[in-house]
Amino acid sequence: MAAGGTFDLQDFLPYLLNQAAEATSRGFQSTYRDRYGLTRTQWRVMANLGRFGAMTARDICRISHIEKTKVSRAVAGMEAEGLLTRATSDQDRRVENLSLTPKGRAVFAEIGQRALAFDADLRTRLGPDVAARVDSILREIIALQSDGAITEDD
């Protein structure tokens, strides 16, 4: 915070975390956007389906903290491109399970390799000690929020 206890957005930790996330996301964006024509949300949907296998849009929203309307648009676009399919759940006819098609799995594998290289380059530029500290700090912040230790009322 600025001197005198006045609020300064530039010193607000959530803002700094968001800026760091945006900067690194923009750095990787060209990989999935330029080569594959995917939006950020489509890439995030694909990454979840690639990691966890078939799941519902609601599951993706919960895991990724993405709004339902954004996921719905991403799913529709990916389905139109032949990257994923929808299948009605046998347990609940109102629920659709999403899964990557063979084309979607191939794209995920290619982008995944590029993501590993991007991550390795970022960690190299930060240096091993800083990268390890950042990783640890971010995981601690996530755990604090997940445990309810950080709330808006605090």
Protein backbone atom coordinates (compact mmCIF):
# COMPACT_ATOMS: atom_id res chain seq x y z
CA MET A 1 0.00 0.00 0.00
CA ALA A 2 1.07 3.57 -0.62
CA ALA A 3 2.30 5.87 2.11
CA GLY A 4 -0.45 7.12 4.39
CA GLY A 5 -2.53 3.98 3.91
CA THR A 6 -4.15 5.10 0.65
CA PHE A 7 -5.11 2.42 -1.80
CA ASP A 8 -2.88 2.06 -4.86
CA LEU A 9 -3.92 -0.57 -7.37
CA GLN A 10 -0.28 -1.06 -8.43
CA ASP A 11 0.49 -2.34 -4.92
CA PHE A 12 -2.62 -4.54 -4.55
CA LEU A 13 -1.44 -8.17 -4.51
CA PRO A 14 -4.49 -9.61 -6.35
CA TYR A 15 -3.90 -7.04 -9.09
CA LEU A 16 -0.21 -7.95 -9.34
CA LEU A 17 -1.07 -11.66 -9.50
CA ASN A 18 -3.60 -10.96 -12.25
CA GLN A 19 -1.09 -8.88 -14.21
CA ALA A 20 1.51 -11.65 -13.98
CA ALA A 21 -1.06 -14.23 -15.12
CA GLU A 22 -2.14 -12.04 -18.03
CA ALA A 23 1.43 -11.34 -19.13
CA THR A 24 2.37 -15.02 -19.18
CA SER A 25 -0.94 -16.03 -20.79
CA ARG A 26 -0.43 -13.50 -23.58
CA GLY A 27 3.05 -14.89 -24.12
CA PHE A 28 1.65 -18.38 -24.72
CA GLN A 29 -1.50 -17.22 -26.54
CA SER A 30 0.10 -17.16 -29.97
CA THR A 31 0.77 -20.89 -29.68
CA TYR A 32 -2.89 -21.90 -29.58
CA ARG A 33 -4.41 -18.88 -31.33
CA ASP A 34 -2.19 -18.40 -34.36
CA ARG A 35 -1.52 -22.02 -35.20
CA TYR A 36 -4.82 -23.61 -34.15
CA GLY A 37 -7.31 -20.73 -34.08
CA LEU A 38 -8.31 -21.40 -30.48
CA THR A 39 -9.42 -18.81 -27.95
CA ARG A 40 -7.98 -18.82 -24.44
CA THR A 41 -11.17 -20.40 -23.09
CA GLN A 42 -11.11 -23.08 -25.80
CA TRP A 43 -7.51 -23.89 -24.90
CA ARG A 44 -8.45 -24.14 -21.22
CA VAL A 45 -11.41 -26.42 -22.03
CA MET A 46 -9.14 -28.55 -24.18
CA ALA A 47 -6.45 -28.69 -21.50
CA ASN A 48 -8.95 -29.93 -18.92
CA LEU A 49 -10.44 -32.55 -21.23
CA GLY A 50 -6.94 -33.62 -22.25
CA ARG A 51 -5.85 -33.99 -18.64
CA PHE A 52 -8.99 -35.42 -17.01
CA GLY A 53 -10.82 -37.09 -19.90
CA ALA A 54 -14.57 -36.81 -20.40
CA MET A 55 -16.29 -34.32 -18.13
CA THR A 56 -19.21 -31.93 -18.07
CA ALA A 57 -19.12 -28.22 -18.84
CA ARG A 58 -20.09 -27.62 -15.21
CA ASP A 59 -17.00 -29.56 -14.09
CA ILE A 60 -14.79 -27.46 -16.36
CA CYS A 61 -16.32 -24.25 -14.96
CA ARG A 62 -15.68 -25.41 -11.40
CA ILE A 63 -12.09 -26.55 -11.97
CA SER A 64 -11.03 -23.63 -14.15
CA HIS A 65 -13.06 -20.81 -12.60
CA ILE A 66 -14.48 -19.88 -16.02
CA GLU A 67 -17.97 -18.47 -16.49
CA LYS A 68 -20.59 -20.88 -17.84
CA THR A 69 -21.38 -18.72 -20.88
CA LYS A 70 -17.71 -18.59 -21.91
CA VAL A 71 -17.40 -22.37 -21.61
CA SER A 72 -20.62 -22.87 -23.59
CA ARG A 73 -19.33 -20.68 -26.43
CA ALA A 74 -15.95 -22.41 -26.36
CA VAL A 75 -17.57 -25.86 -26.47
CA ALA A 76 -19.81 -24.89 -29.40
CA GLY A 77 -16.84 -23.59 -31.38
CA MET A 78 -14.72 -26.63 -30.61
CA GLU A 79 -17.54 -28.96 -31.57
CA ALA A 80 -17.95 -27.12 -34.88
CA GLU A 81 -14.22 -27.58 -35.55
CA GLY A 82 -14.41 -31.30 -34.78
CA LEU A 83 -12.25 -31.03 -31.65
CA LEU A 84 -14.77 -32.38 -29.15
CA THR A 85 -18.02 -34.30 -28.94
CA ARG A 86 -20.97 -34.19 -26.59
CA ALA A 87 -22.70 -37.30 -25.29
CA THR A 88 -25.79 -37.39 -23.10
CA SER A 89 -25.10 -38.95 -19.73
CA ASP A 90 -26.66 -42.36 -19.09
CA GLN A 91 -27.26 -41.37 -15.44
CA ASP A 92 -28.87 -37.97 -16.11
CA ARG A 93 -30.31 -37.16 -19.53
CA ARG A 94 -29.96 -33.41 -18.77
CA VAL A 95 -26.17 -33.69 -18.54
CA GLU A 96 -23.75 -33.81 -21.45
CA ASN A 97 -20.32 -35.33 -21.14
CA LEU A 98 -17.68 -33.64 -23.27
CA SER A 99 -14.66 -35.41 -24.67
CA LEU A 100 -11.95 -34.68 -27.18
CA THR A 101 -12.16 -36.28 -30.61
CA PRO A 102 -9.04 -37.90 -32.10
CA LYS A 103 -8.38 -34.56 -33.84
CA GLY A 104 -8.81 -32.76 -30.50
CA ARG A 105 -6.44 -35.17 -28.75
CA ALA A 106 -3.83 -34.62 -31.47
CA VAL A 107 -4.10 -30.83 -31.15
CA PHE A 108 -3.93 -31.12 -27.35
CA ALA A 109 -0.78 -33.26 -27.62
CA GLU A 110 0.89 -30.73 -29.95
CA ILE A 111 -0.05 -27.69 -27.85
CA GLY A 112 0.89 -29.60 -24.71
CA GLN A 113 4.44 -30.09 -26.02
CA ARG A 114 4.66 -26.39 -26.83
CA ALA A 115 3.29 -25.58 -23.35
CA LEU A 116 6.04 -27.66 -21.75
CA ALA A 117 8.66 -25.78 -23.78
CA PHE A 118 7.09 -22.41 -22.89
CA ASP A 119 7.06 -23.32 -19.20
CA ALA A 120 10.67 -24.53 -19.30
CA ASP A 121 11.77 -21.31 -21.02
CA LEU A 122 9.95 -19.14 -18.46
CA ARG A 123 11.48 -21.10 -15.59
CA THR A 124 14.94 -20.79 -17.17
CA ARG A 125 14.56 -17.03 -17.56
CA LEU A 126 13.46 -16.72 -13.93
CA GLY A 127 16.26 -18.98 -12.75
CA PRO A 128 15.75 -22.18 -10.77
CA ASP A 129 15.65 -20.56 -7.32
CA VAL A 130 13.14 -17.84 -8.23
CA ALA A 131 11.02 -20.28 -10.26
CA ALA A 132 10.85 -22.66 -7.30
CA ARG A 133 9.94 -19.81 -4.90
CA VAL A 134 7.25 -18.46 -7.24
CA ASP A 135 5.81 -21.96 -7.66
CA SER A 136 5.73 -22.48 -3.90
CA ILE A 137 4.22 -19.07 -3.17
CA LEU A 138 1.49 -19.44 -5.80
CA ARG A 139 0.56 -22.89 -4.50
CA GLU A 140 0.41 -21.46 -0.97
CA ILE A 141 -1.89 -18.64 -2.11
CA ILE A 142 -4.15 -21.15 -3.88
CA ALA A 143 -4.26 -23.32 -0.76
CA LEU A 144 -5.10 -20.32 1.44
CA GLN A 145 -8.00 -19.39 -0.81
CA SER A 146 -9.18 -22.99 -1.13
CA ASP A 147 -9.16 -23.43 2.65
CA GLY A 148 -11.24 -20.30 3.07
CA ALA A 149 -8.40 -18.61 4.92
CA ILE A 150 -8.60 -15.62 2.56
CA THR A 151 -12.00 -14.03 2.22
CA GLU A 152 -13.33 -10.68 1.13
CA ASP A 153 -14.38 -9.98 4.73
CA ASP A 154 -10.85 -10.45 6.12
